[in-house]
Structures are given as structure tokens and as C-alpha cells.
Amino acid sequence: MNIYRHILLDADGTLFDFERAEEEALRQTLRRLQLPFSRAIRLRYQAINQELWEAFEKGQIDKDALKVERFSRLLGALAAPDDPEAVNRVYMSELGRCAFLIDGAEAVCRRLAPRYQLSLITNGIAAVQHARIGSSPLAGLMSGIFISEEIGCQKPQAGFFDYVLEALAIDDKRTALVVGDSLSADMLGGQNAGLDTCWYNPGRKTANPAVPTTYEIFSLEDLEKILS
């Protein structure tokens, strides 16, 4: 029997199409700075950014340093003299305008919202996330929006989830389900906090035995089947 009442949903890569947003924001940023943009440059930036966000999840770099370091490395690769702090400011402004949703995200959330308390949980940059979430049709469907930068700790730390549970007055952990695409942040974080987890894995990536999940889904519609 389904006893879930609270669905804690990751934002980027689960509800929001971050790859599309990242590409468009990077394209517009480099265009404004009269720098070249290509698929190779986009892939280079993605690799740099991913490496730094993984370091952030492990507590090896703080978010302010991350935001600048990614562009310091990219500009170095492009042999461009621009100031990485200035480039980052332009990029974040552009990214805040890119509220693209994963296919089916709005429809699924609209069907679930009358029956469950939906909340967003994200490690993203607060100013960017508020802009993107606020301009999306999901804003009015969420009971809470929890951003690591505002909480003071990040997924996968148990403290992040403890904060969310307290803020939502969730006394019984069995009634909460964490849904996300990241094994290292969402699934490990849920595990650390003693919560059931649902791995959104549309790319059918290989599972990590060290991070067991309660459920695995390949589309957002599959979440409704679990909850039915």
C-alpha cells in the first residue's frame, strides 16, 4: 500500500531540462562577449562544470568559487582574456531566463499535486533557481522550494534533508519519497537521511551497488505508476 504523502523532487535533470538550458545560456553568453561557440566548446564547458559540481557535492569547493572557476578554466582553454567573474554574471543572467521543462514534467506534477505535497530540492544557485522556477508553470504546484545555498548544506548531506523534513513538518519519514536523476546527490542523500528514493534514469545508466535505490523509473510517467 502506498503511504507516501510528500514527494521531494530534484529540479535540474528531473523536472527542468538543464542540458538545454545550459547550452542556450552558454551560447548567448559567448555571443554577447563576442566569443566563439561550438559543440566542442559546449562539451568542454559541460565537462568542467560537471567536475566542479561533483567536487561541490563532496564539500571540496564552495559555490562562489565554483561559479568563477568553471569560466576561468573555459576561458583558459579558449585563450580568451575576459574576466571569469564578469562572464559568470552574464551566464547566470542568461541561465535564469531558461526555464525549459523535461517532457511530461508539468503534466505529471499537475496530476500529482492534488494528492501529494510536492516540493523542489536543489543544489543549484539560488538566484538562478528562483528565476527559473518562478517563471515556470511548476511554481504554483510546489509546497516548498529548498535550495542548498539558502539552507547552508547540500545534497547528499543528511542535514539538507533533515532541514526539508522539519520545514515541511514531516514526522514520519516513511511518508516521504525522494525523486531525482543523480545517484551521487539525490539517491545518496535520501539514503543518508533514511528516506525512500526513486531514481529517474531516462538514459538507463548503470546502477551503482553502493547507492541502492527503492525504485528506478525511466520516465516521469512511471512515477505515477509507483504512487498508484
Protein backbone atom coordinates (compact mmCIF):
# COMPACT_ATOMS: atom_id res chain seq x y z
CA MET A 1 0.00 0.00 0.00
CA ASN A 2 1.29 3.46 -0.93
CA ILE A 3 1.80 5.55 2.21
CA TYR A 4 3.70 8.40 0.52
CA ARG A 5 2.29 11.86 1.08
CA HIS A 6 5.34 14.02 0.38
CA ILE A 7 7.29 13.91 -2.90
CA LEU A 8 10.68 15.64 -2.80
CA LEU A 9 11.61 16.37 -6.40
CA ASP A 10 15.02 17.33 -7.71
CA ALA A 11 14.94 20.24 -10.15
CA ASP A 12 17.65 20.05 -12.82
CA GLY A 13 17.67 16.88 -14.88
CA THR A 14 14.45 15.68 -13.26
CA LEU A 15 11.84 18.38 -13.89
CA PHE A 16 13.91 21.01 -15.68
CA ASP A 17 15.83 20.30 -18.88
CA PHE A 18 19.15 21.59 -17.63
CA GLU A 19 21.21 20.43 -20.62
CA ARG A 20 19.08 22.52 -22.95
CA ALA A 21 19.17 25.49 -20.56
CA GLU A 22 22.92 25.22 -20.12
CA GLU A 23 23.54 25.09 -23.86
CA GLU A 24 21.32 28.08 -24.60
CA ALA A 25 22.73 30.15 -21.73
CA LEU A 26 26.31 29.39 -22.76
CA ARG A 27 25.54 30.18 -26.40
CA GLN A 28 24.04 33.57 -25.51
CA THR A 29 26.81 34.38 -23.04
CA LEU A 30 29.59 33.75 -25.53
CA ARG A 31 27.67 35.60 -28.24
CA ARG A 32 27.33 38.67 -26.01
CA LEU A 33 31.06 38.55 -25.29
CA GLN A 34 31.89 38.00 -28.97
CA LEU A 35 33.49 34.65 -28.21
CA PRO A 36 33.10 31.53 -30.37
CA PHE A 37 30.52 28.85 -29.62
CA SER A 38 30.58 25.30 -30.93
CA ARG A 39 29.62 21.81 -29.88
CA ALA A 40 33.22 21.15 -28.81
CA ILE A 41 33.22 24.25 -26.61
CA ARG A 42 29.87 23.27 -25.09
CA LEU A 43 31.15 19.77 -24.29
CA ARG A 44 34.32 21.24 -22.80
CA TYR A 45 32.29 23.51 -20.55
CA GLN A 46 29.96 20.68 -19.52
CA ALA A 47 32.92 18.51 -18.51
CA ILE A 48 34.45 21.34 -16.48
CA ASN A 49 31.14 22.21 -14.83
CA GLN A 50 30.30 18.59 -14.00
CA GLU A 51 33.69 18.02 -12.40
CA LEU A 52 33.29 21.11 -10.23
CA TRP A 53 29.73 20.27 -9.16
CA GLU A 54 30.86 16.79 -8.14
CA ALA A 55 33.58 18.45 -6.06
CA PHE A 56 30.91 20.70 -4.53
CA GLU A 57 28.78 17.69 -3.55
CA LYS A 58 31.84 16.28 -1.77
CA GLY A 59 32.48 19.55 0.04
CA GLN A 60 35.75 20.16 -1.83
CA ILE A 61 34.80 23.57 -3.25
CA ASP A 62 32.23 26.19 -2.28
CA LYS A 63 29.65 27.52 -4.68
CA ASP A 64 31.12 31.01 -5.08
CA ALA A 65 34.48 29.54 -6.09
CA LEU A 66 32.79 27.04 -8.40
CA LYS A 67 30.93 29.74 -10.32
CA VAL A 68 34.13 31.56 -11.20
CA GLU A 69 36.48 28.60 -11.56
CA ARG A 70 34.42 26.97 -14.32
CA PHE A 71 34.81 30.05 -16.51
CA SER A 72 38.43 30.56 -15.55
CA ARG A 73 39.12 27.09 -16.93
CA LEU A 74 36.96 27.56 -20.02
CA LEU A 75 38.48 30.94 -20.87
CA GLY A 76 41.92 29.43 -20.40
CA ALA A 77 41.04 26.70 -22.89
CA LEU A 78 39.81 29.36 -25.34
CA ALA A 79 42.85 31.59 -24.71
CA ALA A 80 40.36 34.40 -24.04
CA PRO A 81 41.39 37.34 -21.81
CA ASP A 82 37.91 38.01 -20.38
CA ASP A 83 37.30 38.27 -16.62
CA PRO A 84 35.75 34.95 -15.41
CA GLU A 85 33.70 36.73 -12.73
CA ALA A 86 32.15 39.01 -15.34
CA VAL A 87 31.50 36.08 -17.67
CA ASN A 88 29.80 34.19 -14.86
CA ARG A 89 27.49 37.13 -14.13
CA VAL A 90 26.38 37.22 -17.75
CA TYR A 91 25.94 33.45 -17.81
CA MET A 92 23.81 33.34 -14.67
CA SER A 93 21.60 36.11 -16.02
CA GLU A 94 21.08 34.12 -19.22
CA LEU A 95 20.55 30.84 -17.34
CA GLY A 96 17.85 32.42 -15.18
CA ARG A 97 15.82 33.00 -18.35
CA CYS A 98 15.97 29.35 -19.42
CA ALA A 99 13.12 27.55 -17.66
CA PHE A 100 12.81 24.63 -20.08
CA LEU A 101 10.97 21.62 -18.63
CA ILE A 102 11.53 17.92 -19.19
CA ASP A 103 8.82 16.46 -21.42
CA GLY A 104 5.85 15.48 -19.28
CA ALA A 105 7.06 17.27 -16.13
CA GLU A 106 4.25 19.81 -15.96
CA ALA A 107 1.51 17.29 -16.73
CA VAL A 108 2.76 14.79 -14.15
CA CYS A 109 3.10 17.45 -11.45
CA ARG A 110 -0.38 18.78 -12.17
CA ARG A 111 -1.84 15.30 -11.77
CA LEU A 112 0.09 14.62 -8.56
CA ALA A 113 -0.35 18.00 -6.86
CA PRO A 114 -3.96 17.46 -5.71
CA ARG A 115 -2.99 14.23 -3.93
CA TYR A 116 0.57 14.83 -2.71
CA GLN A 117 2.63 17.60 -1.20
CA LEU A 118 5.22 18.36 -3.88
CA SER A 119 8.47 20.13 -3.05
CA LEU A 120 11.58 21.03 -5.04
CA ILE A 121 15.02 20.20 -3.66
CA THR A 122 18.05 21.55 -5.48
CA ASN A 123 21.75 22.25 -5.15
CA GLY A 124 21.51 24.93 -7.81
CA ILE A 125 22.46 28.59 -7.48
CA ALA A 126 19.70 30.37 -5.56
CA ALA A 127 19.23 33.45 -7.75
CA VAL A 128 19.15 31.34 -10.90
CA GLN A 129 16.81 28.72 -9.46
CA HIS A 130 14.32 31.25 -8.13
CA ALA A 131 14.23 32.96 -11.53
CA ARG A 132 13.74 29.72 -13.45
CA ILE A 133 11.26 28.16 -11.05
CA GLY A 134 9.31 31.39 -10.66
CA SER A 135 8.82 31.75 -14.40
CA SER A 136 7.78 28.11 -14.87
CA PRO A 137 4.28 26.62 -14.57
CA LEU A 138 5.54 24.45 -11.70
CA ALA A 139 5.88 27.32 -9.22
CA GLY A 140 2.26 27.23 -8.10
CA LEU A 141 2.29 23.46 -7.69
CA MET A 142 5.08 23.30 -5.09
CA SER A 143 4.59 23.41 -1.33
CA GLY A 144 8.23 24.29 -0.82
CA ILE A 145 11.39 25.19 -2.71
CA PHE A 146 14.57 24.15 -0.93
CA ILE A 147 17.92 25.38 -2.24
CA SER A 148 21.18 24.27 -0.68
CA GLU A 149 22.69 27.75 -0.88
CA GLU A 150 19.90 29.07 1.37
CA ILE A 151 19.93 26.10 3.74
CA GLY A 152 23.67 26.05 4.35
CA CYS A 153 24.32 22.45 3.37
CA GLN A 154 23.84 20.49 0.18
CA LYS A 155 22.68 17.16 -1.13
CA PRO A 156 23.81 14.46 -0.37
CA GLN A 157 24.33 15.66 3.21
CA ALA A 158 21.71 14.32 5.60
CA GLY A 159 21.44 17.81 7.09
CA PHE A 160 19.90 19.11 3.86
CA PHE A 161 17.10 16.56 4.05
CA ASP A 162 16.67 16.98 7.81
CA TYR A 163 16.06 20.67 7.18
CA VAL A 164 13.47 19.88 4.50
CA LEU A 165 11.65 17.37 6.70
CA GLU A 166 11.46 19.83 9.58
CA ALA A 167 10.32 22.70 7.36
CA LEU A 168 7.53 20.56 5.92
CA ALA A 169 6.61 19.15 9.36
CA ILE A 170 7.17 15.58 8.16
CA ASP A 171 7.31 13.45 11.30
CA ASP A 172 7.14 10.05 9.62
CA LYS A 173 9.97 9.54 7.11
CA ARG A 174 8.09 6.65 5.56
CA THR A 175 5.65 9.14 4.03
CA ALA A 176 8.35 10.96 2.03
CA LEU A 177 9.90 9.90 -1.28
CA VAL A 178 12.97 11.49 -2.88
CA VAL A 179 12.87 11.62 -6.69
CA GLY A 180 15.90 12.64 -8.73
CA ASP A 181 18.29 11.83 -11.55
CA SER A 182 21.55 11.98 -9.57
CA LEU A 183 22.82 8.93 -7.73
CA SER A 184 25.53 10.95 -6.00
CA ALA A 185 23.28 13.79 -4.79
CA ASP A 186 19.62 12.73 -4.71
CA MET A 187 19.77 9.00 -4.14
CA LEU A 188 22.76 9.02 -1.80
CA GLY A 189 21.24 11.97 0.04
CA GLY A 190 17.95 10.18 0.50
CA GLN A 191 19.81 7.11 1.70
CA ASN A 192 21.83 9.20 4.15
CA ALA A 193 18.61 10.67 5.54
CA GLY A 194 16.81 7.33 5.83
CA LEU A 195 14.28 8.12 3.10
CA ASP A 196 12.91 6.02 0.27
CA THR A 197 14.33 7.00 -3.10
CA CYS A 198 13.22 6.89 -6.72
CA TRP A 199 15.96 7.15 -9.33
CA TYR A 200 14.84 8.90 -12.51
CA ASN A 201 17.07 7.26 -15.10
CA PRO A 202 15.85 8.09 -18.62
CA GLY A 203 19.29 7.40 -20.07
CA ARG A 204 19.34 3.93 -18.48
CA LYS A 205 22.70 4.49 -16.83
CA THR A 206 24.36 1.66 -14.97
CA ALA A 207 23.33 1.46 -11.33
CA ASN A 208 25.86 1.81 -8.52
CA PRO A 209 25.58 -1.05 -6.00
CA ALA A 210 26.97 1.28 -3.33
CA VAL A 211 23.91 3.52 -3.73
CA PRO A 212 20.84 1.27 -3.66
CA THR A 213 17.52 2.85 -4.57
CA THR A 214 13.98 1.94 -3.61
CA TYR A 215 12.66 2.43 -7.14
CA GLU A 216 14.00 3.13 -10.61
CA ILE A 217 11.97 4.83 -13.33
CA PHE A 218 12.72 5.63 -16.95
CA SER A 219 10.07 8.31 -17.48
CA LEU A 220 8.26 10.72 -15.19
CA GLU A 221 5.01 8.97 -16.01
CA ASP A 222 6.46 5.87 -14.34
CA LEU A 223 6.39 7.77 -11.05
CA GLU A 224 2.61 7.83 -11.20
CA LYS A 225 2.58 4.04 -11.53
CA ILE A 226 4.63 3.70 -8.35
CA LEU A 227 2.28 6.02 -6.49
CA SER A 228 -0.94 4.48 -7.79
